[in-house]
Amino acid sequence: MAPRAVTRERLAGAARAALGGGRRLEAVERVAGGSKKGVYRLVMDDASTAVAYVWDDDENYWPAAPGDDDLTDPFSPGLGLDLFEAAHARLDALGVRVPAIRLVERAGVRGPSDLAVVEDVRGENLRDLVARDPRAAAPVLDRLGEALGAMRRHRACDYGKVAVVDGSGASRGTSCEGVVLARALRDLAEAASRDPRIGAARVRLEERLRDLAGAVRPRERYSVVHGELGPDHVLVDADGRPVLIDIEGTMYFDVEWEHVFLRIRLGDAYGPLAVAGLDEDRLALYLLAQRLSLTAGPLRLLDGEFPDRAAMAGIAEHNLRAALDLC
């Protein structure tokens, strides 16, 4: 499939710079799943491969919204090379496996957009492995639990995107739960405007969100979390190690946010990743907030040209029903 925004010539030049000038780009294959950036497998004439990430407006299926470029909002879209490099450096320093960087190229060098070439991890993702062979997935889940433990133990006194906090910046709001509540109320309003079932329950859902947020007690230390760690964001390498991808949204935040997302996405397979001592009040608030986010977000994405429309509509419907069950 032809690239949407980046030219083959630019990818060929980046591939030669990343992998060695003696190779020639043989093929470009779009990697399925990306909604915020272009992801392309680069196949060279000697059969070696790499993956190119392209951050460009034309590669982003999400409709633009006010505040998208506000890095002080922990939940603003994770877009761009700066966020990727900061997250990669932090996770790598913690011993968390991420694809090795072969080349970074900023906008203006060979084209109008940021680009990175990274290691091609050819194994299947954790979602497919769990579905195909739960027994083979068990040691991968154990190793993912070890990686999450390293992330959980690394603390900061501030919350927000890794690029902001590690750069001594400050994030908006006064607490993680406050930021989540504000975002959940926006998601609720958006979902209510798009689906009459949420509209009819809007008052009850808002009251429930405020009650749950009011029960959360203050916290002053925050862990490293991926933010959207579904099993499709974990590849499995040739040695059976989990490899985290789509890392630009990595942040310092309440670890409960990560574990709610993992529970939602992994279902019965979540068990090996469970940890003791999570805050039940935060878990309750974050569960409803994520159900609303996973309703409003897919509905918003369907306003654009996202190709897998049936799957996205299914995600919205499933989470809409789950949100209603929580109020």
C-alpha atoms as a PDB file:
ATOM      1  CA  MET A   1       0.000   0.000   0.000  1.00  0.00           C
ATOM      2  CA  ALA A   2       1.319   3.456  -0.867  1.00  0.00           C
ATOM      3  CA  PRO A   3       2.147   5.792   1.991  1.00  0.00           C
ATOM      4  CA  ARG A   4      -0.501   8.419   2.762  1.00  0.00           C
ATOM      5  CA  ALA A   5       1.773  11.395   3.428  1.00  0.00           C
ATOM      6  CA  VAL A   6       5.438  10.445   3.144  1.00  0.00           C
ATOM      7  CA  THR A   7       7.037   9.810  -0.226  1.00  0.00           C
ATOM      8  CA  ARG A   8       8.716   6.559  -1.143  1.00  0.00           C
ATOM      9  CA  GLU A   9      11.844   8.563  -1.966  1.00  0.00           C
ATOM     10  CA  ARG A  10      12.003   9.903   1.570  1.00  0.00           C
ATOM     11  CA  LEU A  11      11.505   6.457   3.051  1.00  0.00           C
ATOM     12  CA  ALA A  12      14.224   5.086   0.758  1.00  0.00           C
ATOM     13  CA  GLY A  13      16.647   7.772   1.920  1.00  0.00           C
ATOM     14  CA  ALA A  14      15.793   7.198   5.575  1.00  0.00           C
ATOM     15  CA  ALA A  15      16.161   3.444   5.159  1.00  0.00           C
ATOM     16  CA  ARG A  16      19.617   3.808   3.591  1.00  0.00           C
ATOM     17  CA  ALA A  17      20.708   6.174   6.354  1.00  0.00           C
ATOM     18  CA  ALA A  18      19.371   3.851   9.053  1.00  0.00           C
ATOM     19  CA  LEU A  19      20.429   0.468   7.684  1.00  0.00           C
ATOM     20  CA  GLY A  20      23.400   1.177   5.468  1.00  0.00           C
ATOM     21  CA  GLY A  21      23.858   2.726   2.049  1.00  0.00           C
ATOM     22  CA  GLY A  22      24.588  -0.570   0.318  1.00  0.00           C
ATOM     23  CA  ARG A  23      20.948  -1.620   0.578  1.00  0.00           C
ATOM     24  CA  ARG A  24      18.080  -0.637  -1.677  1.00  0.00           C
ATOM     25  CA  LEU A  25      14.457  -0.219  -0.569  1.00  0.00           C
ATOM     26  CA  GLU A  26      12.514  -3.054  -2.179  1.00  0.00           C
ATOM     27  CA  ALA A  27       9.016  -2.576  -0.725  1.00  0.00           C
ATOM     28  CA  VAL A  28       6.962  -0.448   1.659  1.00  0.00           C
ATOM     29  CA  GLU A  29       4.165  -2.125   3.611  1.00  0.00           C
ATOM     30  CA  ARG A  30       1.685  -0.250   5.778  1.00  0.00           C
ATOM     31  CA  VAL A  31       1.449  -1.801   9.241  1.00  0.00           C
ATOM     32  CA  ALA A  32      -2.171  -2.013  10.362  1.00  0.00           C
ATOM     33  CA  GLY A  33      -3.459  -0.404  13.520  1.00  0.00           C
ATOM     34  CA  GLY A  34      -1.947   3.076  13.635  1.00  0.00           C
ATOM     35  CA  SER A  35      -4.468   5.900  14.062  1.00  0.00           C
ATOM     36  CA  LYS A  36      -2.217   8.833  15.042  1.00  0.00           C
ATOM     37  CA  LYS A  37       0.875   8.235  12.911  1.00  0.00           C
ATOM     38  CA  GLY A  38       1.880   6.363   9.802  1.00  0.00           C
ATOM     39  CA  VAL A  39       3.624   3.042  10.461  1.00  0.00           C
ATOM     40  CA  TYR A  40       5.443   1.413   7.536  1.00  0.00           C
ATOM     41  CA  ARG A  41       7.564  -1.718   7.245  1.00  0.00           C
ATOM     42  CA  LEU A  42      10.598  -1.058   5.050  1.00  0.00           C
ATOM     43  CA  VAL A  43      11.792  -4.155   3.187  1.00  0.00           C
ATOM     44  CA  MET A  44      15.283  -3.934   1.704  1.00  0.00           C
ATOM     45  CA  ASP A  45      16.701  -5.854  -1.249  1.00  0.00           C
ATOM     46  CA  ASP A  46      18.670  -8.135   1.090  1.00  0.00           C
ATOM     47  CA  ALA A  47      15.442  -9.008   2.993  1.00  0.00           C
ATOM     48  CA  SER A  48      16.428  -6.946   6.043  1.00  0.00           C
ATOM     49  CA  THR A  49      13.584  -4.876   7.464  1.00  0.00           C
ATOM     50  CA  ALA A  50      12.885  -1.903   9.688  1.00  0.00           C
ATOM     51  CA  VAL A  51       9.808   0.096  10.651  1.00  0.00           C
ATOM     52  CA  ALA A  52       9.282   3.787   9.927  1.00  0.00           C
ATOM     53  CA  TYR A  53       7.090   6.034  12.059  1.00  0.00           C
ATOM     54  CA  VAL A  54       5.797   9.183  10.374  1.00  0.00           C
ATOM     55  CA  TRP A  55       4.133  11.929  12.401  1.00  0.00           C
ATOM     56  CA  ASP A  56       2.135  14.015   9.954  1.00  0.00           C
ATOM     57  CA  ASP A  57      -1.345  15.533   9.995  1.00  0.00           C
ATOM     58  CA  ASP A  58      -2.263  13.435   6.965  1.00  0.00           C
ATOM     59  CA  GLU A  59      -1.341  10.269   8.868  1.00  0.00           C
ATOM     60  CA  ASN A  60      -3.558  11.156  11.857  1.00  0.00           C
ATOM     61  CA  TYR A  61      -7.110   9.844  11.555  1.00  0.00           C
ATOM     62  CA  TRP A  62      -8.319  11.735  14.635  1.00  0.00           C
ATOM     63  CA  PRO A  63     -10.284  14.943  14.001  1.00  0.00           C
ATOM     64  CA  ALA A  64      -8.402  17.964  15.336  1.00  0.00           C
ATOM     65  CA  ALA A  65      -9.645  19.387  18.646  1.00  0.00           C
ATOM     66  CA  PRO A  66      -8.706  22.439  20.726  1.00  0.00           C
ATOM     67  CA  GLY A  67      -5.761  21.733  23.027  1.00  0.00           C
ATOM     68  CA  ASP A  68      -4.350  18.865  20.955  1.00  0.00           C
ATOM     69  CA  ASP A  69      -0.888  20.480  21.088  1.00  0.00           C
ATOM     70  CA  ASP A  70      -1.012  21.298  24.813  1.00  0.00           C
ATOM     71  CA  LEU A  71       1.643  19.066  26.344  1.00  0.00           C
ATOM     72  CA  THR A  72       0.698  20.229  29.843  1.00  0.00           C
ATOM     73  CA  ASP A  73      -2.467  18.131  29.465  1.00  0.00           C
ATOM     74  CA  PRO A  74      -1.432  14.563  30.312  1.00  0.00           C
ATOM     75  CA  PHE A  75      -4.137  13.252  27.980  1.00  0.00           C
ATOM     76  CA  SER A  76      -3.458  15.432  24.952  1.00  0.00           C
ATOM     77  CA  PRO A  77      -2.597  13.304  21.905  1.00  0.00           C
ATOM     78  CA  GLY A  78       0.821  11.676  22.052  1.00  0.00           C
ATOM     79  CA  LEU A  79       2.145  13.027  18.775  1.00  0.00           C
ATOM     80  CA  GLY A  80       5.638  13.707  17.551  1.00  0.00           C
ATOM     81  CA  LEU A  81       9.248  12.793  17.783  1.00  0.00           C
ATOM     82  CA  ASP A  82       9.974  14.684  21.012  1.00  0.00           C
ATOM     83  CA  LEU A  83       7.403  12.674  22.973  1.00  0.00           C
ATOM     84  CA  PHE A  84       8.587   9.441  21.378  1.00  0.00           C
ATOM     85  CA  GLU A  85      12.248  10.042  22.208  1.00  0.00           C
ATOM     86  CA  ALA A  86      11.522  11.070  25.810  1.00  0.00           C
ATOM     87  CA  ALA A  87       9.312   8.045  26.411  1.00  0.00           C
ATOM     88  CA  HIS A  88      11.792   5.704  24.714  1.00  0.00           C
ATOM     89  CA  ALA A  89      14.672   7.010  26.839  1.00  0.00           C
ATOM     90  CA  ARG A  90      12.729   6.641  30.089  1.00  0.00           C
ATOM     91  CA  LEU A  91      11.446   3.133  29.369  1.00  0.00           C
ATOM     92  CA  ASP A  92      14.817   1.936  28.086  1.00  0.00           C
ATOM     93  CA  ALA A  93      16.527   3.274  31.213  1.00  0.00           C
ATOM     94  CA  LEU A  94      14.087   1.226  33.320  1.00  0.00           C
ATOM     95  CA  GLY A  95      14.972  -1.938  31.411  1.00  0.00           C
ATOM     96  CA  VAL A  96      11.629  -2.061  29.603  1.00  0.00           C
ATOM     97  CA  ARG A  97      11.975  -3.516  26.108  1.00  0.00           C
ATOM     98  CA  VAL A  98      11.101  -1.068  23.327  1.00  0.00           C
ATOM     99  CA  PRO A  99      12.063  -1.205  19.634  1.00  0.00           C
ATOM    100  CA  ALA A 100      15.628   0.025  19.152  1.00  0.00           C
ATOM    101  CA  ILE A 101      15.924   3.372  17.379  1.00  0.00           C
ATOM    102  CA  ARG A 102      17.914   3.245  14.120  1.00  0.00           C
ATOM    103  CA  LEU A 103      17.362   6.823  12.940  1.00  0.00           C
ATOM    104  CA  VAL A 104      15.507   9.980  13.905  1.00  0.00           C
ATOM    105  CA  GLU A 105      14.851  12.681  11.354  1.00  0.00           C
ATOM    106  CA  ARG A 106      13.142  15.943  12.180  1.00  0.00           C
ATOM    107  CA  ALA A 107      10.812  17.854   9.921  1.00  0.00           C
ATOM    108  CA  GLY A 108      12.702  19.849   7.319  1.00  0.00           C
ATOM    109  CA  VAL A 109      15.660  17.506   6.901  1.00  0.00           C
ATOM    110  CA  ARG A 110      14.250  15.417   4.049  1.00  0.00           C
ATOM    111  CA  GLY A 111      10.557  16.198   4.328  1.00  0.00           C
ATOM    112  CA  PRO A 112       7.878  18.198   6.144  1.00  0.00           C
ATOM    113  CA  SER A 113       7.245  15.797   9.025  1.00  0.00           C
ATOM    114  CA  ASP A 114       9.070  14.072  11.875  1.00  0.00           C
ATOM    115  CA  LEU A 115      10.196  10.528  11.124  1.00  0.00           C
ATOM    116  CA  ALA A 116      11.888   7.705  13.000  1.00  0.00           C
ATOM    117  CA  VAL A 117      13.198   4.346  11.818  1.00  0.00           C
ATOM    118  CA  VAL A 118      13.142   1.619  14.460  1.00  0.00           C
ATOM    119  CA  GLU A 119      13.829  -2.074  14.842  1.00  0.00           C
ATOM    120  CA  ASP A 120      11.245  -4.313  13.205  1.00  0.00           C
ATOM    121  CA  VAL A 121       9.944  -6.696  15.881  1.00  0.00           C
ATOM    122  CA  ARG A 122       8.349  -9.352  13.691  1.00  0.00           C
ATOM    123  CA  GLY A 123       6.642 -11.442  16.372  1.00  0.00           C
ATOM    124  CA  GLU A 124       2.877 -11.394  16.868  1.00  0.00           C
ATOM    125  CA  ASN A 125       1.280  -9.064  19.366  1.00  0.00           C
ATOM    126  CA  LEU A 126       0.196 -10.182  22.816  1.00  0.00           C
ATOM    127  CA  ARG A 127      -3.509  -9.956  21.932  1.00  0.00           C
ATOM    128  CA  ASP A 128      -3.138 -12.519  19.160  1.00  0.00           C
ATOM    129  CA  LEU A 129      -0.837 -14.758  21.216  1.00  0.00           C
ATOM    130  CA  VAL A 130      -3.266 -14.867  24.155  1.00  0.00           C
ATOM    131  CA  ALA A 131      -6.101 -15.780  21.793  1.00  0.00           C
ATOM    132  CA  ARG A 132      -4.065 -18.404  19.910  1.00  0.00           C
ATOM    133  CA  ASP A 133      -2.126 -20.097  22.711  1.00  0.00           C
ATOM    134  CA  PRO A 134      -2.749 -18.980  26.318  1.00  0.00           C
ATOM    135  CA  ARG A 135      -0.079 -21.383  27.577  1.00  0.00           C
ATOM    136  CA  ALA A 136       2.583 -19.823  25.337  1.00  0.00           C
ATOM    137  CA  ALA A 137       1.394 -16.378  26.415  1.00  0.00           C
ATOM    138  CA  ALA A 138       1.855 -17.124  30.135  1.00  0.00           C
ATOM    139  CA  PRO A 139       5.636 -16.477  30.340  1.00  0.00           C
ATOM    140  CA  VAL A 140       5.238 -13.343  28.210  1.00  0.00           C
ATOM    141  CA  LEU A 141       2.627 -12.029  30.647  1.00  0.00           C
ATOM    142  CA  ASP A 142       4.989 -12.815  33.524  1.00  0.00           C
ATOM    143  CA  ARG A 143       7.753 -10.796  31.869  1.00  0.00           C
ATOM    144  CA  LEU A 144       5.322  -7.992  31.112  1.00  0.00           C
ATOM    145  CA  GLY A 145       4.455  -7.971  34.808  1.00  0.00           C
ATOM    146  CA  GLU A 146       8.149  -7.544  35.604  1.00  0.00           C
ATOM    147  CA  ALA A 147       8.373  -4.597  33.209  1.00  0.00           C
ATOM    148  CA  LEU A 148       5.280  -3.021  34.742  1.00  0.00           C
ATOM    149  CA  GLY A 149       6.835  -3.498  38.164  1.00  0.00           C
ATOM    150  CA  ALA A 150       9.925  -1.549  37.098  1.00  0.00           C
ATOM    151  CA  MET A 151       7.680   1.222  35.776  1.00  0.00           C
ATOM    152  CA  ARG A 152       5.561   1.230  38.930  1.00  0.00           C
ATOM    153  CA  ARG A 153       8.582   1.523  41.211  1.00  0.00           C
ATOM    154  CA  HIS A 154      10.022   4.518  39.355  1.00  0.00           C
ATOM    155  CA  ARG A 155       8.328   7.515  40.975  1.00  0.00           C
ATOM    156  CA  ALA A 156       8.163  11.248  40.433  1.00  0.00           C
ATOM    157  CA  CYS A 157       6.723  14.051  42.523  1.00  0.00           C
ATOM    158  CA  ASP A 158       4.811  15.436  39.533  1.00  0.00           C
ATOM    159  CA  TYR A 159       2.392  13.889  37.065  1.00  0.00           C
ATOM    160  CA  GLY A 160       2.233  14.409  33.325  1.00  0.00           C
ATOM    161  CA  LYS A 161       3.879  13.361  30.097  1.00  0.00           C
ATOM    162  CA  VAL A 162       7.398  11.994  30.506  1.00  0.00           C
ATOM    163  CA  ALA A 163       8.742  14.696  28.179  1.00  0.00           C
ATOM    164  CA  VAL A 164       7.226  17.368  30.432  1.00  0.00           C
ATOM    165  CA  VAL A 165       8.117  15.935  33.848  1.00  0.00           C
ATOM    166  CA  ASP A 166      11.619  14.752  32.949  1.00  0.00           C
ATOM    167  CA  GLY A 167      12.128  18.180  31.377  1.00  0.00           C
ATOM    168  CA  SER A 168      11.227  19.850  34.721  1.00  0.00           C
ATOM    169  CA  GLY A 169       7.949  21.165  33.328  1.00  0.00           C
ATOM    170  CA  ALA A 170       4.548  21.337  35.003  1.00  0.00           C
ATOM    171  CA  SER A 171       1.218  19.842  33.970  1.00  0.00           C
ATOM    172  CA  ARG A 172      -2.207  21.388  34.219  1.00  0.00           C
ATOM    173  CA  GLY A 173      -4.552  20.696  37.115  1.00  0.00           C
ATOM    174  CA  THR A 174      -3.830  19.865  40.727  1.00  0.00           C
ATOM    175  CA  SER A 175      -4.172  16.070  40.802  1.00  0.00           C
ATOM    176  CA  CYS A 176      -4.488  13.016  38.590  1.00  0.00           C
ATOM    177  CA  GLU A 177      -8.040  12.416  39.734  1.00  0.00           C
ATOM    178  CA  GLY A 178      -8.930  16.031  38.956  1.00  0.00           C
ATOM    179  CA  VAL A 179      -7.514  15.749  35.446  1.00  0.00           C
ATOM    180  CA  VAL A 180      -9.391  12.477  34.928  1.00  0.00           C
ATOM    181  CA  LEU A 181     -12.669  13.954  36.173  1.00  0.00           C
ATOM    182  CA  ALA A 182     -12.385  16.964  33.856  1.00  0.00           C
ATOM    183  CA  ARG A 183     -11.629  14.686  30.899  1.00  0.00           C
ATOM    184  CA  ALA A 184     -14.446  12.290  31.791  1.00  0.00           C
ATOM    185  CA  LEU A 185     -16.954  15.136  31.919  1.00  0.00           C
ATOM    186  CA  ARG A 186     -15.858  16.253  28.453  1.00  0.00           C
ATOM    187  CA  ASP A 187     -16.146  12.686  27.165  1.00  0.00           C
ATOM    188  CA  LEU A 188     -19.582  12.387  28.756  1.00  0.00           C
ATOM    189  CA  ALA A 189     -20.784  15.579  27.085  1.00  0.00           C
ATOM    190  CA  GLU A 190     -19.441  14.439  23.724  1.00  0.00           C
ATOM    191  CA  ALA A 191     -20.901  10.953  23.993  1.00  0.00           C
ATOM    192  CA  ALA A 192     -24.262  12.383  25.127  1.00  0.00           C
ATOM    193  CA  SER A 193     -24.372  14.586  22.026  1.00  0.00           C
ATOM    194  CA  ARG A 194     -23.790  11.558  19.787  1.00  0.00           C
ATOM    195  CA  ASP A 195     -25.919   8.840  21.369  1.00  0.00           C
ATOM    196  CA  PRO A 196     -29.360   9.302  22.986  1.00  0.00           C
ATOM    197  CA  ARG A 197     -28.786   6.507  25.501  1.00  0.00           C
ATOM    198  CA  ILE A 198     -25.882   8.405  27.064  1.00  0.00           C
ATOM    199  CA  GLY A 199     -27.878  11.619  26.717  1.00  0.00           C
ATOM    200  CA  ALA A 200     -30.718  10.141  28.769  1.00  0.00           C
ATOM    201  CA  ALA A 201     -28.297   8.993  31.493  1.00  0.00           C
ATOM    202  CA  ARG A 202     -26.064  12.079  31.449  1.00  0.00           C
ATOM    203  CA  VAL A 203     -27.201  13.514  34.789  1.00  0.00           C
ATOM    204  CA  ARG A 204     -26.809  10.179  36.572  1.00  0.00           C
ATOM    205  CA  LEU A 205     -23.394   9.586  35.007  1.00  0.00           C
ATOM    206  CA  GLU A 206     -22.168  13.052  35.955  1.00  0.00           C
ATOM    207  CA  GLU A 207     -23.336  12.611  39.531  1.00  0.00           C
ATOM    208  CA  ARG A 208     -21.613   9.239  39.692  1.00  0.00           C
ATOM    209  CA  LEU A 209     -18.347  10.660  38.363  1.00  0.00           C
ATOM    210  CA  ARG A 210     -18.364  13.487  40.902  1.00  0.00           C
ATOM    211  CA  ASP A 211     -19.175  11.121  43.764  1.00  0.00           C
ATOM    212  CA  LEU A 212     -16.357   8.769  42.783  1.00  0.00           C
ATOM    213  CA  ALA A 213     -13.869  11.630  42.426  1.00  0.00           C
ATOM    214  CA  GLY A 214     -14.873  13.036  45.808  1.00  0.00           C
ATOM    215  CA  ALA A 215     -13.933   9.749  47.496  1.00  0.00           C
ATOM    216  CA  VAL A 216     -10.341   9.777  46.203  1.00  0.00           C
ATOM    217  CA  ARG A 217      -7.743  10.886  48.718  1.00  0.00           C
ATOM    218  CA  PRO A 218      -4.701  13.004  47.741  1.00  0.00           C
ATOM    219  CA  ARG A 219      -1.474  11.427  46.481  1.00  0.00           C
ATOM    220  CA  GLU A 220       1.970  12.971  46.002  1.00  0.00           C
ATOM    221  CA  ARG A 221       3.992  10.368  44.091  1.00  0.00           C
ATOM    222  CA  TYR A 222       3.349   9.013  40.600  1.00  0.00           C
ATOM    223  CA  SER A 223       4.569   6.042  38.583  1.00  0.00           C
ATOM    224  CA  VAL A 224       5.523   5.607  34.940  1.00  0.00           C
ATOM    225  CA  VAL A 225       2.570   4.304  32.924  1.00  0.00           C
ATOM    226  CA  HIS A 226       2.150   3.627  29.214  1.00  0.00           C
ATOM    227  CA  GLY A 227      -1.360   5.066  29.318  1.00  0.00           C
ATOM    228  CA  GLU A 228      -2.984   2.829  26.681  1.00  0.00           C
ATOM    229  CA  LEU A 229      -1.352  -0.520  27.306  1.00  0.00           C
ATOM    230  CA  GLY A 230      -3.670  -2.844  25.486  1.00  0.00           C
ATOM    231  CA  PRO A 231      -2.304  -6.226  24.356  1.00  0.00           C
ATOM    232  CA  ASP A 232      -2.116  -4.883  20.788  1.00  0.00           C
ATOM    233  CA  HIS A 233       0.516  -2.424  22.035  1.00  0.00           C
ATOM    234  CA  VAL A 234       2.755  -5.274  23.206  1.00  0.00           C
ATOM    235  CA  LEU A 235       4.756  -7.192  20.610  1.00  0.00           C
ATOM    236  CA  VAL A 236       6.573 -10.433  21.401  1.00  0.00           C
ATOM    237  CA  ASP A 237      10.150 -10.699  20.164  1.00  0.00           C
ATOM    238  CA  ALA A 238      12.069 -13.804  19.113  1.00  0.00           C
ATOM    239  CA  ASP A 239      13.204 -14.390  22.712  1.00  0.00           C
ATOM    240  CA  GLY A 240       9.672 -14.216  24.102  1.00  0.00           C
ATOM    241  CA  ARG A 241      10.168 -10.755  25.586  1.00  0.00           C
ATOM    242  CA  PRO A 242       7.301  -8.247  25.561  1.00  0.00           C
ATOM    243  CA  VAL A 243       8.101  -5.121  23.532  1.00  0.00           C
ATOM    244  CA  LEU A 244       6.072  -1.966  24.191  1.00  0.00           C
ATOM    245  CA  ILE A 245       5.024   0.109  21.179  1.00  0.00           C
ATOM    246  CA  ASP A 246       2.937   3.270  20.633  1.00  0.00           C
ATOM    247  CA  ILE A 247       4.742   4.764  23.599  1.00  0.00           C
ATOM    248  CA  GLU A 248       4.371   8.488  22.894  1.00  0.00           C
ATOM    249  CA  GLY A 249       1.661   8.884  25.544  1.00  0.00           C
ATOM    250  CA  THR A 250       3.853   7.476  28.331  1.00  0.00           C
ATOM    251  CA  MET A 251       3.478   9.575  31.467  1.00  0.00           C
ATOM    252  CA  TYR A 252       3.885   9.787  35.203  1.00  0.00           C
ATOM    253  CA  PHE A 253       0.444   9.092  36.628  1.00  0.00           C
ATOM    254  CA  ASP A 254      -1.556   6.957  39.027  1.00  0.00           C
ATOM    255  CA  VAL A 255      -0.681   3.339  38.384  1.00  0.00           C
ATOM    256  CA  GLU A 256      -4.381   2.517  38.780  1.00  0.00           C
ATOM    257  CA  TRP A 257      -5.010   4.153  35.402  1.00  0.00           C
ATOM    258  CA  GLU A 258      -2.761   1.561  33.725  1.00  0.00           C
ATOM    259  CA  HIS A 259      -4.311  -1.369  35.523  1.00  0.00           C
ATOM    260  CA  VAL A 260      -7.893  -0.377  34.741  1.00  0.00           C
ATOM    261  CA  PHE A 261      -6.959  -0.236  31.059  1.00  0.00           C
ATOM    262  CA  LEU A 262      -5.192  -3.596  31.256  1.00  0.00           C
ATOM    263  CA  ARG A 263      -8.194  -5.185  32.974  1.00  0.00           C
ATOM    264  CA  ILE A 264     -10.560  -3.853  30.313  1.00  0.00           C
ATOM    265  CA  ARG A 265      -8.417  -4.978  27.406  1.00  0.00           C
ATOM    266  CA  LEU A 266      -7.141  -8.336  28.707  1.00  0.00           C
ATOM    267  CA  GLY A 267     -10.225  -9.576  30.514  1.00  0.00           C
ATOM    268  CA  ASP A 268      -9.625 -13.008  32.041  1.00  0.00           C
ATOM    269  CA  ALA A 269      -5.978 -12.962  30.898  1.00  0.00           C
ATOM    270  CA  TYR A 270      -5.217  -9.995  33.202  1.00  0.00           C
ATOM    271  CA  GLY A 271      -4.624 -12.204  36.268  1.00  0.00           C
ATOM    272  CA  PRO A 272      -0.806 -12.527  36.081  1.00  0.00           C
ATOM    273  CA  LEU A 273      -0.472  -8.720  35.958  1.00  0.00           C
ATOM    274  CA  ALA A 274      -2.543  -8.035  39.081  1.00  0.00           C
ATOM    275  CA  VAL A 275      -0.745  -6.310  41.953  1.00  0.00           C
ATOM    276  CA  ALA A 276      -1.701  -5.752  45.563  1.00  0.00           C
ATOM    277  CA  GLY A 277      -2.291  -2.394  47.151  1.00  0.00           C
ATOM    278  CA  LEU A 278      -4.078  -0.533  44.378  1.00  0.00           C
ATOM    279  CA  ASP A 279      -6.444   2.223  45.516  1.00  0.00           C
ATOM    280  CA  GLU A 280     -10.027   0.972  45.115  1.00  0.00           C
ATOM    281  CA  ASP A 281     -11.475   4.495  44.989  1.00  0.00           C
ATOM    282  CA  ARG A 282      -9.179   5.419  42.116  1.00  0.00           C
ATOM    283  CA  LEU A 283      -9.936   2.155  40.339  1.00  0.00           C
ATOM    284  CA  ALA A 284     -13.682   2.876  40.505  1.00  0.00           C
ATOM    285  CA  LEU A 285     -13.339   6.431  39.169  1.00  0.00           C
ATOM    286  CA  TYR A 286     -10.903   5.450  36.460  1.00  0.00           C
ATOM    287  CA  LEU A 287     -13.054   2.537  35.303  1.00  0.00           C
ATOM    288  CA  LEU A 288     -16.059   4.745  34.584  1.00  0.00           C
ATOM    289  CA  ALA A 289     -13.828   7.448  33.078  1.00  0.00           C
ATOM    290  CA  GLN A 290     -12.200   4.957  30.710  1.00  0.00           C
ATOM    291  CA  ARG A 291     -15.522   3.467  29.674  1.00  0.00           C
ATOM    292  CA  LEU A 292     -16.694   6.962  28.720  1.00  0.00           C
ATOM    293  CA  SER A 293     -13.413   7.687  26.932  1.00  0.00           C
ATOM    294  CA  LEU A 294     -13.697   4.423  24.995  1.00  0.00           C
ATOM    295  CA  THR A 295     -17.183   5.470  23.955  1.00  0.00           C
ATOM    296  CA  ALA A 296     -16.578   9.089  22.992  1.00  0.00           C
ATOM    297  CA  GLY A 297     -13.169   8.507  21.375  1.00  0.00           C
ATOM    298  CA  PRO A 298     -14.237   5.846  18.854  1.00  0.00           C
ATOM    299  CA  LEU A 299     -17.368   7.827  17.978  1.00  0.00           C
ATOM    300  CA  ARG A 300     -15.151  10.850  17.297  1.00  0.00           C
ATOM    301  CA  LEU A 301     -12.731   8.763  15.244  1.00  0.00           C
ATOM    302  CA  LEU A 302     -15.597   7.613  13.038  1.00  0.00           C
ATOM    303  CA  ASP A 303     -16.094  11.246  11.953  1.00  0.00           C
ATOM    304  CA  GLY A 304     -12.901  10.885   9.909  1.00  0.00           C
ATOM    305  CA  GLU A 305     -11.567   8.329   7.446  1.00  0.00           C
ATOM    306  CA  PHE A 306     -10.512   5.590   9.841  1.00  0.00           C
ATOM    307  CA  PRO A 307     -10.646   2.415   7.732  1.00  0.00           C
ATOM    308  CA  ASP A 308     -11.765  -0.307  10.196  1.00  0.00           C
ATOM    309  CA  ARG A 309     -15.113   1.310  10.928  1.00  0.00           C
ATOM    310  CA  ALA A 310     -17.039  -1.762  12.049  1.00  0.00           C
ATOM    311  CA  ALA A 311     -14.465  -2.638  14.699  1.00  0.00           C
ATOM    312  CA  MET A 312     -14.385   0.940  15.993  1.00  0.00           C
ATOM    313  CA  ALA A 313     -18.176   1.099  16.167  1.00  0.00           C
ATOM    314  CA  GLY A 314     -18.121  -2.166  18.112  1.00  0.00           C
ATOM    315  CA  ILE A 315     -15.671  -0.730  20.647  1.00  0.00           C
ATOM    316  CA  ALA A 316     -17.916   2.296  21.158  1.00  0.00           C
ATOM    317  CA  GLU A 317     -21.023   0.171  21.601  1.00  0.00           C
ATOM    318  CA  HIS A 318     -19.403  -2.250  24.052  1.00  0.00           C
ATOM    319  CA  ASN A 319     -18.052   0.515  26.252  1.00  0.00           C
ATOM    320  CA  LEU A 320     -21.252   2.563  26.066  1.00  0.00           C
ATOM    321  CA  ARG A 321     -23.180  -0.361  27.521  1.00  0.00           C
ATOM    322  CA  ALA A 322     -20.509  -0.893  30.179  1.00  0.00           C
ATOM    323  CA  ALA A 323     -20.625   2.784  31.180  1.00  0.00           C
ATOM    324  CA  LEU A 324     -24.396   2.660  31.588  1.00  0.00           C
ATOM    325  CA  ASP A 325     -24.022  -0.410  33.810  1.00  0.00           C
ATOM    326  CA  LEU A 326     -21.770   1.623  36.145  1.00  0.00           C
ATOM    327  CA  CYS A 327     -24.321   4.324  36.941  1.00  0.00           C
END
